[in-house]
Amino acid sequence: MGGERFDAREHIVGWEQTGFNDADWLNVREIQAPSAVCSWQACESSRLSKPIQPEEIYELDNGKWVIDFGRPLTGWMQLRMRGLSPGQEVSIIYADLNDNGRERSLAFGKDSDGFQSFSQQDIYIGTGGKEENFCSRFNFHSFRYAVISGISSAPRTEDFAAMMIEPELDSSGEFSCSNDLFNQIHEITHYTFRTQNPTLSLGAGEAREKSGYGDGGAHLSGYLYNFGCAANFRHGWSTGAIPSAKMDGY
């Protein structure tokens, strides 16, 4: 769950294309399929949001760079790097909270830089090209901050883009009133549903828990009032995919 380690020197261009010549590859070995009940996915597919640019970039005393996207999200981050040497290793730590005077949290442990990351880390090993790009496509992270170390030059805003992963759900309700506080609470709640549901399964912290554990029952009504997600819950409970929660509560 922590992340991926990508050695760009080993990357084979076009390996995923149908016309790729894989004559030098080892043959696949056929094995018996596991015994499992399969069903079609009744829920909507996930999608990527439009790219989100950082709101701030600043350097720590130890030479690491902090990329602040302004609010938490769950998804991917694209990074563009320049001037890497062959074999140069770049580390990306993904974190929700820090303790450097901007935000404070004692709920969970923090690393030596004051960040709470839950071991979310990607490592990129460069080829020495003029410009190199990385995006963690085989995992998702929950973060507001990305802490970068190992790069050769100061990062620029246009070098980064974050993309939220969320199901393609239609809006099913709206709320507004004359009280600005209530409106803000609703906006935050609506956004939290989006950040906590990257793969059609509401979790309890996408940084450390990447599966649903029945938390959906606690806020089922709010979710249904805001999003057209009936198929998600109907399919889950009818097949027994979420045994720890029931439609009528706990």
Foldseek 3Di string as FASTA:
>chain_A
DQAEEAEPVPDDPPPPPPPDDPVVPDDDDDDDDDDDDDDDQLFFFKDWADWQWFPDWDADPVGKIKTFSPAKAKFKKKFKAFQDQQFQKKKKAFFADFDPPPDDDPPDDADPRRTDGLNRMYMYTDHRDGMDMDMRPVDMAIHRMIIMPRGDDDDDRVRMTTIHMFGPWDFQADDDDPDVVVVVVLVVVLVVVGRQHRGLAGPDHCSNDVHHAQCCLVCVVVVVNTTVGPSSVVVCVVVVVHVNADNVGD
